[in-house]
Amino acid sequence: MREQYRSEDFTEKDLAADPMEQFAHWFRQVAGGGALHEPNAMVVSTADSRGRPSSRTVLLKHYDARGFVFFTNYGSRKGRELTANPYVSLLFPWHPLARQVIVTGTAVRVGREETVAYFRTRPHGSQLGAWASDQSAVIGSRQELVDRYEELAARYPEGEKVPAPPQWGGFRVVPDAIEFWQGHENRLHDRLRYVRESPEAGWHVERLCP
């Protein structure tokens, strides 16, 4: 099971000066092309205090010069692991375009105001779901989860303001390296990685062997 990737060359001269600008350029191409369902889906990999890794798919909700933001229950497995060990990796697997973006960095909690502002934009049902689910905790049955949801739906009917759960919020991944991967024939892929030694330092680009 192997496919030959046929793409245009991706060279250093094609890069933006800043990796977040380059990410925005690629993301606009992916999101506007219609080739991908949920192009903001990313694999978030964390590790616990003993170094044991875990991964899951999460939706990117915002990005800017400061980094990449997603939201979760802070008591979930990823929430607990990021509290104990803030180092994190993100992977955007844009296979139809033979592209990947790989981010490594440090996760920090966003401010409560930012969390509440985002929570207000979620559909009513998703707001209730954030309360109903004690994410990553063992539960006896699906019906138990549905019962919790229906109880909340009765308490907060459509149109009524739902408070943001105190245990729920955002993480911002502040990158220290961002790799842009473009597939090519014969495994001669382009891998260009922006790296910086500290948040105050500038970025430099290095090319990696595929």
N, C-alpha and C. Protein backbone atom coordinates (compact mmCIF):
# COMPACT_ATOMS: atom_id res chain seq x y z
N MET A 1 0.85 -1.18 0.00
CA MET A 1 0.00 0.00 0.00
C MET A 1 0.90 1.24 0.00
N ARG A 2 1.14 1.77 -1.16
CA ARG A 2 2.05 2.90 -1.29
C ARG A 2 1.59 3.77 -2.45
N GLU A 3 1.73 5.06 -2.28
CA GLU A 3 1.34 6.00 -3.32
C GLU A 3 2.50 6.92 -3.64
N GLN A 4 2.70 7.20 -4.91
CA GLN A 4 3.72 8.17 -5.31
C GLN A 4 3.12 9.57 -5.22
N TYR A 5 3.71 10.43 -4.39
CA TYR A 5 3.22 11.79 -4.24
C TYR A 5 3.76 12.64 -5.39
N ARG A 6 2.87 13.36 -6.06
CA ARG A 6 3.26 14.23 -7.15
C ARG A 6 2.88 15.66 -6.78
N SER A 7 3.87 16.47 -6.50
CA SER A 7 3.64 17.82 -6.02
C SER A 7 4.69 18.76 -6.60
N GLU A 8 4.40 20.03 -6.51
CA GLU A 8 5.39 21.02 -6.91
C GLU A 8 6.50 21.08 -5.86
N ASP A 9 7.68 21.51 -6.30
CA ASP A 9 8.78 21.66 -5.35
C ASP A 9 8.40 22.68 -4.28
N PHE A 10 8.92 22.43 -3.09
CA PHE A 10 8.69 23.32 -1.95
C PHE A 10 10.07 23.66 -1.41
N THR A 11 10.53 24.87 -1.67
CA THR A 11 11.89 25.25 -1.34
C THR A 11 11.92 26.42 -0.37
N GLU A 12 13.10 26.71 0.13
CA GLU A 12 13.27 27.78 1.11
C GLU A 12 12.77 29.12 0.59
N LYS A 13 12.91 29.37 -0.69
CA LYS A 13 12.46 30.66 -1.24
C LYS A 13 10.95 30.79 -1.21
N ASP A 14 10.22 29.69 -1.05
CA ASP A 14 8.77 29.73 -1.00
C ASP A 14 8.24 30.06 0.39
N LEU A 15 9.10 30.05 1.39
CA LEU A 15 8.66 30.19 2.77
C LEU A 15 8.40 31.64 3.15
N ALA A 16 7.40 31.83 4.01
CA ALA A 16 7.19 33.12 4.66
C ALA A 16 8.28 33.32 5.70
N ALA A 17 8.50 34.57 6.10
CA ALA A 17 9.53 34.85 7.10
C ALA A 17 9.20 34.28 8.45
N ASP A 18 7.92 34.15 8.74
CA ASP A 18 7.46 33.67 10.05
C ASP A 18 6.66 32.39 9.87
N PRO A 19 6.83 31.38 10.73
CA PRO A 19 6.12 30.11 10.54
C PRO A 19 4.61 30.21 10.68
N MET A 20 4.11 31.15 11.50
CA MET A 20 2.66 31.28 11.61
C MET A 20 2.07 31.88 10.34
N GLU A 21 2.84 32.73 9.66
CA GLU A 21 2.40 33.22 8.36
C GLU A 21 2.37 32.08 7.34
N GLN A 22 3.39 31.23 7.39
CA GLN A 22 3.42 30.08 6.48
C GLN A 22 2.27 29.13 6.77
N PHE A 23 1.99 28.90 8.06
CA PHE A 23 0.87 28.04 8.43
C PHE A 23 -0.43 28.63 7.91
N ALA A 24 -0.63 29.93 8.08
CA ALA A 24 -1.86 30.58 7.61
C ALA A 24 -2.02 30.41 6.11
N HIS A 25 -0.92 30.53 5.37
CA HIS A 25 -0.96 30.36 3.91
C HIS A 25 -1.40 28.96 3.54
N TRP A 26 -0.76 27.95 4.13
CA TRP A 26 -1.15 26.57 3.83
C TRP A 26 -2.56 26.28 4.32
N PHE A 27 -2.92 26.77 5.48
CA PHE A 27 -4.25 26.49 6.01
C PHE A 27 -5.33 27.07 5.10
N ARG A 28 -5.12 28.27 4.60
CA ARG A 28 -6.10 28.85 3.67
C ARG A 28 -6.24 28.00 2.41
N GLN A 29 -5.14 27.50 1.93
CA GLN A 29 -5.20 26.63 0.74
C GLN A 29 -5.98 25.36 1.03
N VAL A 30 -5.71 24.74 2.16
CA VAL A 30 -6.38 23.49 2.51
C VAL A 30 -7.86 23.73 2.79
N ALA A 31 -8.17 24.77 3.57
CA ALA A 31 -9.57 25.03 3.94
C ALA A 31 -10.39 25.48 2.74
N GLY A 32 -9.77 26.18 1.80
CA GLY A 32 -10.52 26.70 0.66
C GLY A 32 -10.65 25.74 -0.50
N GLY A 33 -9.84 24.68 -0.49
CA GLY A 33 -9.85 23.78 -1.63
C GLY A 33 -10.95 22.74 -1.62
N GLY A 34 -11.55 22.49 -0.47
CA GLY A 34 -12.63 21.52 -0.38
C GLY A 34 -12.19 20.06 -0.40
N ALA A 35 -10.88 19.81 -0.37
CA ALA A 35 -10.40 18.43 -0.44
C ALA A 35 -10.45 17.72 0.90
N LEU A 36 -10.58 18.48 1.98
CA LEU A 36 -10.52 17.90 3.31
C LEU A 36 -11.76 18.20 4.12
N HIS A 37 -12.25 17.18 4.84
CA HIS A 37 -13.29 17.38 5.83
C HIS A 37 -12.61 17.79 7.13
N GLU A 38 -13.05 18.91 7.72
CA GLU A 38 -12.47 19.43 8.95
C GLU A 38 -10.94 19.59 8.83
N PRO A 39 -10.49 20.51 8.01
CA PRO A 39 -9.04 20.73 7.88
C PRO A 39 -8.38 21.20 9.16
N ASN A 40 -9.19 21.67 10.12
CA ASN A 40 -8.63 22.10 11.41
C ASN A 40 -8.46 20.94 12.39
N ALA A 41 -8.74 19.71 11.95
CA ALA A 41 -8.51 18.55 12.81
C ALA A 41 -7.01 18.30 12.93
N MET A 42 -6.56 18.09 14.16
CA MET A 42 -5.13 17.87 14.40
C MET A 42 -4.97 16.78 15.45
N VAL A 43 -3.88 16.06 15.38
CA VAL A 43 -3.56 15.05 16.37
C VAL A 43 -2.73 15.71 17.46
N VAL A 44 -3.23 15.66 18.69
CA VAL A 44 -2.54 16.24 19.84
C VAL A 44 -1.90 15.10 20.63
N SER A 45 -0.58 15.16 20.76
CA SER A 45 0.14 14.12 21.48
C SER A 45 0.73 14.71 22.76
N THR A 46 0.47 14.01 23.86
CA THR A 46 0.96 14.43 25.17
C THR A 46 1.65 13.24 25.82
N ALA A 47 2.28 13.49 26.96
CA ALA A 47 2.90 12.41 27.73
C ALA A 47 2.69 12.70 29.20
N ASP A 48 2.54 11.64 29.97
CA ASP A 48 2.35 11.83 31.40
C ASP A 48 3.70 12.07 32.08
N SER A 49 3.68 12.17 33.39
CA SER A 49 4.90 12.49 34.14
C SER A 49 5.96 11.40 34.04
N ARG A 50 5.54 10.19 33.63
CA ARG A 50 6.50 9.08 33.46
C ARG A 50 6.95 8.94 32.00
N GLY A 51 6.46 9.82 31.14
CA GLY A 51 6.87 9.79 29.74
C GLY A 51 6.03 8.90 28.85
N ARG A 52 4.93 8.35 29.35
CA ARG A 52 4.08 7.49 28.53
C ARG A 52 3.18 8.36 27.65
N PRO A 53 3.25 8.18 26.32
CA PRO A 53 2.53 9.08 25.41
C PRO A 53 1.08 8.67 25.19
N SER A 54 0.29 9.63 24.73
CA SER A 54 -1.06 9.36 24.27
C SER A 54 -1.40 10.39 23.21
N SER A 55 -2.27 10.01 22.27
CA SER A 55 -2.65 10.89 21.17
C SER A 55 -4.14 10.83 20.96
N ARG A 56 -4.68 11.94 20.42
CA ARG A 56 -6.10 11.99 20.07
C ARG A 56 -6.30 13.13 19.07
N THR A 57 -7.40 13.08 18.34
CA THR A 57 -7.71 14.13 17.37
C THR A 57 -8.56 15.20 18.05
N VAL A 58 -8.16 16.45 17.86
CA VAL A 58 -8.81 17.61 18.47
C VAL A 58 -8.97 18.66 17.38
N LEU A 59 -9.97 19.52 17.50
CA LEU A 59 -10.16 20.58 16.52
C LEU A 59 -9.43 21.85 16.95
N LEU A 60 -8.61 22.37 16.06
CA LEU A 60 -7.99 23.67 16.28
C LEU A 60 -9.08 24.74 16.20
N LYS A 61 -9.14 25.62 17.18
CA LYS A 61 -10.18 26.63 17.21
C LYS A 61 -9.67 28.04 16.92
N HIS A 62 -8.37 28.24 17.05
CA HIS A 62 -7.83 29.58 16.80
C HIS A 62 -6.32 29.47 16.66
N TYR A 63 -5.76 30.31 15.80
CA TYR A 63 -4.30 30.42 15.74
C TYR A 63 -3.95 31.87 15.43
N ASP A 64 -2.83 32.31 15.96
CA ASP A 64 -2.32 33.65 15.71
C ASP A 64 -0.83 33.64 15.98
N ALA A 65 -0.23 34.81 16.08
CA ALA A 65 1.21 34.88 16.27
C ALA A 65 1.67 34.22 17.55
N ARG A 66 0.75 34.06 18.53
CA ARG A 66 1.13 33.47 19.81
C ARG A 66 1.10 31.95 19.81
N GLY A 67 0.38 31.33 18.86
CA GLY A 67 0.33 29.88 18.83
C GLY A 67 -1.01 29.34 18.41
N PHE A 68 -1.27 28.08 18.81
CA PHE A 68 -2.43 27.30 18.38
C PHE A 68 -3.32 27.00 19.59
N VAL A 69 -4.62 27.24 19.46
CA VAL A 69 -5.53 27.11 20.61
C VAL A 69 -6.56 26.01 20.38
N PHE A 70 -6.74 25.16 21.39
CA PHE A 70 -7.84 24.20 21.41
C PHE A 70 -8.44 24.20 22.80
N PHE A 71 -9.63 23.61 22.92
CA PHE A 71 -10.36 23.61 24.19
C PHE A 71 -10.67 22.18 24.62
N THR A 72 -10.72 21.98 25.93
CA THR A 72 -10.94 20.65 26.47
C THR A 72 -11.38 20.75 27.92
N ASN A 73 -11.73 19.61 28.48
CA ASN A 73 -11.95 19.51 29.92
C ASN A 73 -10.58 19.37 30.58
N TYR A 74 -10.28 20.24 31.53
CA TYR A 74 -8.96 20.19 32.17
C TYR A 74 -8.75 18.91 32.96
N GLY A 75 -9.84 18.21 33.29
CA GLY A 75 -9.72 16.94 34.00
C GLY A 75 -9.58 15.75 33.08
N SER A 76 -9.62 15.96 31.76
CA SER A 76 -9.46 14.87 30.81
C SER A 76 -8.03 14.36 30.85
N ARG A 77 -7.78 13.27 30.14
CA ARG A 77 -6.42 12.71 30.16
C ARG A 77 -5.41 13.73 29.62
N LYS A 78 -5.73 14.37 28.48
CA LYS A 78 -4.78 15.34 27.94
C LYS A 78 -4.64 16.54 28.86
N GLY A 79 -5.75 16.95 29.49
CA GLY A 79 -5.68 18.08 30.41
C GLY A 79 -4.79 17.78 31.60
N ARG A 80 -4.94 16.58 32.17
CA ARG A 80 -4.10 16.19 33.31
C ARG A 80 -2.64 16.05 32.90
N GLU A 81 -2.42 15.45 31.72
CA GLU A 81 -1.04 15.25 31.28
C GLU A 81 -0.36 16.59 30.98
N LEU A 82 -1.08 17.52 30.37
CA LEU A 82 -0.48 18.81 30.08
C LEU A 82 -0.22 19.62 31.35
N THR A 83 -1.00 19.38 32.38
CA THR A 83 -0.76 20.04 33.66
C THR A 83 0.53 19.51 34.29
N ALA A 84 0.75 18.20 34.15
CA ALA A 84 1.94 17.58 34.73
C ALA A 84 3.17 17.76 33.85
N ASN A 85 2.96 17.81 32.55
CA ASN A 85 4.06 17.87 31.58
C ASN A 85 3.58 18.70 30.39
N PRO A 86 3.94 19.97 30.30
CA PRO A 86 3.36 20.86 29.30
C PRO A 86 3.89 20.69 27.88
N TYR A 87 4.87 19.80 27.68
CA TYR A 87 5.41 19.63 26.33
C TYR A 87 4.42 18.84 25.47
N VAL A 88 4.20 19.32 24.25
CA VAL A 88 3.13 18.78 23.42
C VAL A 88 3.54 18.82 21.95
N SER A 89 2.93 17.93 21.17
CA SER A 89 3.14 17.92 19.73
C SER A 89 1.77 17.95 19.04
N LEU A 90 1.70 18.70 17.95
CA LEU A 90 0.50 18.76 17.11
C LEU A 90 0.86 18.25 15.72
N LEU A 91 -0.05 17.51 15.11
CA LEU A 91 0.15 17.04 13.74
C LEU A 91 -1.11 17.33 12.93
N PHE A 92 -0.94 18.07 11.83
CA PHE A 92 -2.03 18.31 10.88
C PHE A 92 -1.79 17.38 9.69
N PRO A 93 -2.58 16.30 9.55
CA PRO A 93 -2.35 15.31 8.49
C PRO A 93 -3.18 15.61 7.24
N TRP A 94 -2.68 16.45 6.40
CA TRP A 94 -3.42 16.86 5.21
C TRP A 94 -3.06 15.96 4.02
N HIS A 95 -3.45 14.69 4.13
CA HIS A 95 -3.04 13.66 3.17
C HIS A 95 -3.45 13.94 1.73
N PRO A 96 -4.69 14.41 1.44
CA PRO A 96 -5.05 14.63 0.03
C PRO A 96 -4.13 15.60 -0.71
N LEU A 97 -3.45 16.48 0.03
CA LEU A 97 -2.51 17.40 -0.59
C LEU A 97 -1.06 16.96 -0.39
N ALA A 98 -0.87 15.76 0.15
CA ALA A 98 0.47 15.25 0.46
C ALA A 98 1.25 16.24 1.31
N ARG A 99 0.56 16.76 2.33
CA ARG A 99 1.19 17.72 3.22
C ARG A 99 0.96 17.33 4.68
N GLN A 100 1.92 17.72 5.51
CA GLN A 100 1.76 17.63 6.96
C GLN A 100 2.38 18.88 7.57
N VAL A 101 1.83 19.28 8.70
CA VAL A 101 2.47 20.30 9.52
C VAL A 101 2.64 19.69 10.92
N ILE A 102 3.86 19.76 11.44
CA ILE A 102 4.17 19.16 12.73
C ILE A 102 4.68 20.27 13.65
N VAL A 103 4.03 20.41 14.79
CA VAL A 103 4.34 21.47 15.74
C VAL A 103 4.82 20.84 17.03
N THR A 104 5.91 21.34 17.59
CA THR A 104 6.29 20.97 18.95
C THR A 104 6.40 22.25 19.76
N GLY A 105 5.99 22.17 21.01
CA GLY A 105 6.03 23.36 21.85
C GLY A 105 5.53 23.08 23.25
N THR A 106 5.08 24.14 23.89
CA THR A 106 4.64 24.08 25.28
C THR A 106 3.20 24.58 25.37
N ALA A 107 2.38 23.87 26.12
CA ALA A 107 0.97 24.24 26.29
C ALA A 107 0.79 25.08 27.55
N VAL A 108 0.07 26.18 27.41
CA VAL A 108 -0.28 27.02 28.55
C VAL A 108 -1.79 27.26 28.51
N ARG A 109 -2.40 27.35 29.66
CA ARG A 109 -3.84 27.61 29.70
C ARG A 109 -4.14 29.03 29.24
N VAL A 110 -5.20 29.19 28.47
CA VAL A 110 -5.62 30.53 28.06
C VAL A 110 -6.36 31.17 29.23
N GLY A 111 -6.51 32.49 29.18
CA GLY A 111 -7.23 33.19 30.23
C GLY A 111 -8.70 32.82 30.27
N ARG A 112 -9.30 33.00 31.45
CA ARG A 112 -10.70 32.62 31.61
C ARG A 112 -11.61 33.43 30.69
N GLU A 113 -11.30 34.69 30.48
CA GLU A 113 -12.13 35.51 29.60
C GLU A 113 -12.13 34.96 28.18
N GLU A 114 -10.97 34.51 27.71
CA GLU A 114 -10.90 33.93 26.37
C GLU A 114 -11.70 32.64 26.29
N THR A 115 -11.63 31.82 27.34
CA THR A 115 -12.40 30.58 27.37
C THR A 115 -13.90 30.87 27.32
N VAL A 116 -14.36 31.78 28.16
CA VAL A 116 -15.80 32.10 28.21
C VAL A 116 -16.27 32.69 26.88
N ALA A 117 -15.46 33.55 26.27
CA ALA A 117 -15.83 34.14 24.99
C ALA A 117 -16.00 33.07 23.93
N TYR A 118 -15.09 32.09 23.90
CA TYR A 118 -15.25 31.01 22.93
C TYR A 118 -16.45 30.13 23.27
N PHE A 119 -16.64 29.83 24.54
CA PHE A 119 -17.75 28.97 24.95
C PHE A 119 -19.08 29.55 24.46
N ARG A 120 -19.21 30.87 24.46
CA ARG A 120 -20.44 31.51 24.02
C ARG A 120 -20.72 31.26 22.54
N THR A 121 -19.68 30.97 21.75
CA THR A 121 -19.87 30.75 20.31
C THR A 121 -20.29 29.32 20.00
N ARG A 122 -20.18 28.42 20.96
CA ARG A 122 -20.51 27.01 20.70
C ARG A 122 -22.02 26.83 20.58
N PRO A 123 -22.47 25.87 19.76
CA PRO A 123 -23.90 25.56 19.71
C PRO A 123 -24.41 25.18 21.10
N HIS A 124 -25.70 25.43 21.31
CA HIS A 124 -26.30 25.17 22.62
C HIS A 124 -26.05 23.72 23.07
N GLY A 125 -26.23 22.77 22.16
CA GLY A 125 -26.03 21.37 22.52
C GLY A 125 -24.61 21.06 22.92
N SER A 126 -23.63 21.70 22.26
CA SER A 126 -22.23 21.49 22.62
C SER A 126 -21.91 22.09 23.98
N GLN A 127 -22.57 23.20 24.31
CA GLN A 127 -22.38 23.78 25.64
C GLN A 127 -22.88 22.81 26.71
N LEU A 128 -24.04 22.23 26.49
CA LEU A 128 -24.57 21.26 27.46
C LEU A 128 -23.68 20.03 27.54
N GLY A 129 -23.16 19.61 26.38
CA GLY A 129 -22.30 18.43 26.36
C GLY A 129 -21.03 18.61 27.17
N ALA A 130 -20.51 19.85 27.19
CA ALA A 130 -19.31 20.11 27.99
C ALA A 130 -19.58 19.90 29.48
N TRP A 131 -20.81 20.17 29.91
CA TRP A 131 -21.19 19.94 31.31
C TRP A 131 -21.49 18.46 31.56
N ALA A 132 -22.14 17.81 30.59
CA ALA A 132 -22.61 16.43 30.81
C ALA A 132 -21.47 15.43 30.88
N SER A 133 -20.40 15.69 30.12
CA SER A 133 -19.32 14.72 30.01
C SER A 133 -18.18 15.05 30.96
N ASP A 134 -17.89 14.14 31.86
CA ASP A 134 -16.69 14.21 32.69
C ASP A 134 -15.59 13.54 31.89
N GLN A 135 -15.06 14.26 30.94
CA GLN A 135 -14.23 13.70 29.88
C GLN A 135 -13.11 12.82 30.39
N SER A 136 -12.99 11.65 29.79
CA SER A 136 -11.98 10.61 30.07
C SER A 136 -12.30 9.78 31.31
N ALA A 137 -13.33 10.15 32.09
CA ALA A 137 -13.70 9.35 33.26
C ALA A 137 -14.52 8.13 32.83
N VAL A 138 -14.40 7.05 33.57
CA VAL A 138 -15.19 5.84 33.30
C VAL A 138 -16.66 6.13 33.59
N ILE A 139 -17.55 5.63 32.72
CA ILE A 139 -18.99 5.80 32.92
C ILE A 139 -19.66 4.45 32.69
N GLY A 140 -20.77 4.21 33.39
CA GLY A 140 -21.41 2.90 33.34
C GLY A 140 -22.08 2.56 32.04
N SER A 141 -22.68 3.55 31.38
CA SER A 141 -23.41 3.27 30.14
C SER A 141 -23.63 4.57 29.38
N ARG A 142 -23.98 4.42 28.09
CA ARG A 142 -24.32 5.60 27.30
C ARG A 142 -25.57 6.27 27.85
N GLN A 143 -26.52 5.46 28.36
CA GLN A 143 -27.77 6.03 28.87
C GLN A 143 -27.50 6.97 30.03
N GLU A 144 -26.51 6.65 30.84
CA GLU A 144 -26.16 7.53 31.95
C GLU A 144 -25.72 8.90 31.43
N LEU A 145 -24.96 8.90 30.35
CA LEU A 145 -24.52 10.16 29.74
C LEU A 145 -25.71 10.92 29.16
N VAL A 146 -26.59 10.20 28.48
CA VAL A 146 -27.78 10.83 27.90
C VAL A 146 -28.67 11.43 28.98
N ASP A 147 -28.81 10.71 30.09
CA ASP A 147 -29.62 11.21 31.20
C ASP A 147 -29.05 12.52 31.75
N ARG A 148 -27.73 12.57 31.89
CA ARG A 148 -27.10 13.81 32.36
C ARG A 148 -27.42 14.96 31.40
N TYR A 149 -27.29 14.67 30.11
CA TYR A 149 -27.53 15.70 29.10
C TYR A 149 -28.98 16.19 29.16
N GLU A 150 -29.91 15.26 29.24
CA GLU A 150 -31.33 15.64 29.25
C GLU A 150 -31.68 16.45 30.50
N GLU A 151 -31.06 16.11 31.61
CA GLU A 151 -31.28 16.89 32.84
C GLU A 151 -30.79 18.33 32.65
N LEU A 152 -29.64 18.48 32.02
CA LEU A 152 -29.11 19.82 31.75
C LEU A 152 -29.96 20.57 30.74
N ALA A 153 -30.47 19.84 29.73
CA ALA A 153 -31.32 20.47 28.72
C ALA A 153 -32.60 21.02 29.34
N ALA A 154 -33.10 20.32 30.36
CA ALA A 154 -34.29 20.80 31.05
C ALA A 154 -33.97 22.02 31.91
N ARG A 155 -32.76 22.04 32.48
CA ARG A 155 -32.36 23.16 33.32
C ARG A 155 -32.02 24.40 32.50
N TYR A 156 -31.41 24.15 31.34
CA TYR A 156 -31.00 25.26 30.46
C TYR A 156 -31.60 25.05 29.07
N PRO A 157 -32.88 25.38 28.88
CA PRO A 157 -33.50 25.18 27.57
C PRO A 157 -32.86 26.08 26.51
N GLU A 158 -33.11 25.76 25.27
CA GLU A 158 -32.59 26.52 24.14
C GLU A 158 -32.90 28.01 24.33
N GLY A 159 -31.88 28.82 24.14
CA GLY A 159 -32.06 30.26 24.30
C GLY A 159 -31.65 30.79 25.65
N GLU A 160 -31.49 29.88 26.62
CA GLU A 160 -31.06 30.31 27.97
C GLU A 160 -29.54 30.23 28.06
N LYS A 161 -28.95 31.19 28.76
CA LYS A 161 -27.50 31.26 28.87
C LYS A 161 -26.96 30.10 29.70
N VAL A 162 -26.00 29.39 29.13
CA VAL A 162 -25.34 28.28 29.83
C VAL A 162 -23.98 28.76 30.32
N PRO A 163 -23.71 28.68 31.62
CA PRO A 163 -22.38 29.13 32.11
C PRO A 163 -21.28 28.20 31.62
N ALA A 164 -20.10 28.75 31.41
CA ALA A 164 -18.96 27.92 31.03
C ALA A 164 -18.53 27.07 32.21
N PRO A 165 -18.34 25.76 32.03
CA PRO A 165 -17.93 24.91 33.15
C PRO A 165 -16.58 25.35 33.71
N PRO A 166 -16.43 25.36 35.02
CA PRO A 166 -15.15 25.80 35.61
C PRO A 166 -13.99 24.89 35.27
N GLN A 167 -14.28 23.60 34.99
CA GLN A 167 -13.22 22.63 34.71
C GLN A 167 -12.90 22.55 33.22
N TRP A 168 -13.46 23.44 32.44
CA TRP A 168 -13.33 23.38 30.97
C TRP A 168 -12.66 24.66 30.49
N GLY A 169 -11.72 24.52 29.55
CA GLY A 169 -11.06 25.72 29.06
C GLY A 169 -10.08 25.43 27.94
N GLY A 170 -9.31 26.44 27.59
CA GLY A 170 -8.42 26.34 26.45
C GLY A 170 -6.97 26.15 26.83
N PHE A 171 -6.24 25.58 25.88
CA PHE A 171 -4.78 25.53 25.92
C PHE A 171 -4.25 26.23 24.68
N ARG A 172 -3.21 27.01 24.87
CA ARG A 172 -2.49 27.58 23.73
C ARG A 172 -1.15 26.88 23.62
N VAL A 173 -0.87 26.30 22.46
CA VAL A 173 0.42 25.66 22.23
C VAL A 173 1.36 26.71 21.64
N VAL A 174 2.36 27.07 22.42
CA VAL A 174 3.36 28.05 22.00
C VAL A 174 4.49 27.27 21.33
N PRO A 175 4.68 27.43 20.03
CA PRO A 175 5.63 26.56 19.32
C PRO A 175 7.08 26.95 19.53
N ASP A 176 7.94 25.92 19.55
CA ASP A 176 9.38 26.17 19.46
C ASP A 176 9.95 25.59 18.17
N ALA A 177 9.13 24.78 17.46
CA ALA A 177 9.52 24.26 16.15
C ALA A 177 8.25 23.95 15.36
N ILE A 178 8.25 24.30 14.07
CA ILE A 178 7.13 23.99 13.19
C ILE A 178 7.71 23.47 11.88
N GLU A 179 7.37 22.23 11.56
CA GLU A 179 7.87 21.60 10.33
C GLU A 179 6.76 21.55 9.28
N PHE A 180 7.12 21.94 8.05
CA PHE A 180 6.21 21.87 6.91
C PHE A 180 6.73 20.76 5.99
N TRP A 181 5.89 19.76 5.79
CA TRP A 181 6.27 18.55 5.05
C TRP A 181 5.46 18.48 3.77
N GLN A 182 6.15 18.40 2.64
CA GLN A 182 5.50 18.27 1.34
C GLN A 182 5.98 17.00 0.67
N GLY A 183 5.05 16.09 0.36
CA GLY A 183 5.43 14.81 -0.23
C GLY A 183 5.81 14.92 -1.70
N HIS A 184 6.75 14.06 -2.12
CA HIS A 184 7.19 14.00 -3.52
C HIS A 184 7.43 12.56 -3.93
N GLU A 185 7.63 12.36 -5.22
CA GLU A 185 7.92 11.04 -5.74
C GLU A 185 9.22 10.50 -5.16
N ASN A 186 9.28 9.17 -5.10
CA ASN A 186 10.50 8.46 -4.70
C ASN A 186 10.98 8.84 -3.30
N ARG A 187 10.06 9.25 -2.47
CA ARG A 187 10.34 9.62 -1.08
C ARG A 187 11.31 10.80 -0.96
N LEU A 188 11.41 11.61 -1.99
CA LEU A 188 12.28 12.79 -1.93
C LEU A 188 11.47 13.98 -1.43
N HIS A 189 10.88 13.80 -0.26
CA HIS A 189 9.98 14.81 0.29
C HIS A 189 10.75 16.05 0.73
N ASP A 190 10.05 17.18 0.72
CA ASP A 190 10.60 18.41 1.28
C ASP A 190 10.16 18.54 2.72
N ARG A 191 11.12 18.75 3.61
CA ARG A 191 10.83 18.96 5.04
C ARG A 191 11.59 20.21 5.47
N LEU A 192 10.85 21.28 5.67
CA LEU A 192 11.45 22.54 6.09
C LEU A 192 10.93 22.88 7.47
N ARG A 193 11.85 23.08 8.40
CA ARG A 193 11.47 23.27 9.80
C ARG A 193 11.98 24.62 10.33
N TYR A 194 11.04 25.38 10.88
CA TYR A 194 11.39 26.60 11.60
C TYR A 194 11.71 26.23 13.04
N VAL A 195 12.79 26.78 13.57
CA VAL A 195 13.21 26.47 14.93
C VAL A 195 13.61 27.77 15.62
N ARG A 196 13.31 27.85 16.92
CA ARG A 196 13.84 28.95 17.72
C ARG A 196 14.21 28.41 19.10
N GLU A 197 15.24 29.00 19.67
CA GLU A 197 15.76 28.49 20.94
C GLU A 197 14.95 28.96 22.15
N SER A 198 14.25 30.10 22.01
CA SER A 198 13.45 30.63 23.11
C SER A 198 12.36 31.52 22.51
N PRO A 199 11.30 31.82 23.29
CA PRO A 199 10.24 32.69 22.77
C PRO A 199 10.74 34.06 22.34
N GLU A 200 11.85 34.51 22.92
CA GLU A 200 12.38 35.84 22.58
C GLU A 200 13.27 35.79 21.35
N ALA A 201 13.74 34.61 20.98
CA ALA A 201 14.68 34.47 19.87
C ALA A 201 13.96 34.49 18.53
N GLY A 202 14.71 34.78 17.47
CA GLY A 202 14.14 34.73 16.13
C GLY A 202 14.10 33.31 15.60
N TRP A 203 13.40 33.12 14.49
CA TRP A 203 13.28 31.81 13.87
C TRP A 203 14.40 31.60 12.85
N HIS A 204 14.89 30.38 12.75
CA HIS A 204 15.75 30.02 11.62
C HIS A 204 15.19 28.74 10.99
N VAL A 205 15.51 28.56 9.72
CA VAL A 205 14.94 27.43 8.96
C VAL A 205 16.03 26.42 8.67
N GLU A 206 15.69 25.15 8.83
CA GLU A 206 16.59 24.07 8.48
C GLU A 206 15.86 23.05 7.63
N ARG A 207 16.58 22.45 6.70
CA ARG A 207 15.99 21.42 5.85
C ARG A 207 16.37 20.05 6.41
N LEU A 208 15.39 19.16 6.48
CA LEU A 208 15.60 17.81 7.00
C LEU A 208 15.56 16.79 5.87
N CYS A 209 16.37 15.76 5.98
CA CYS A 209 16.26 14.66 5.04
C CYS A 209 14.91 13.95 5.22
N PRO A 210 14.32 13.49 4.12
CA PRO A 210 13.01 12.82 4.26
C PRO A 210 13.15 11.42 4.86
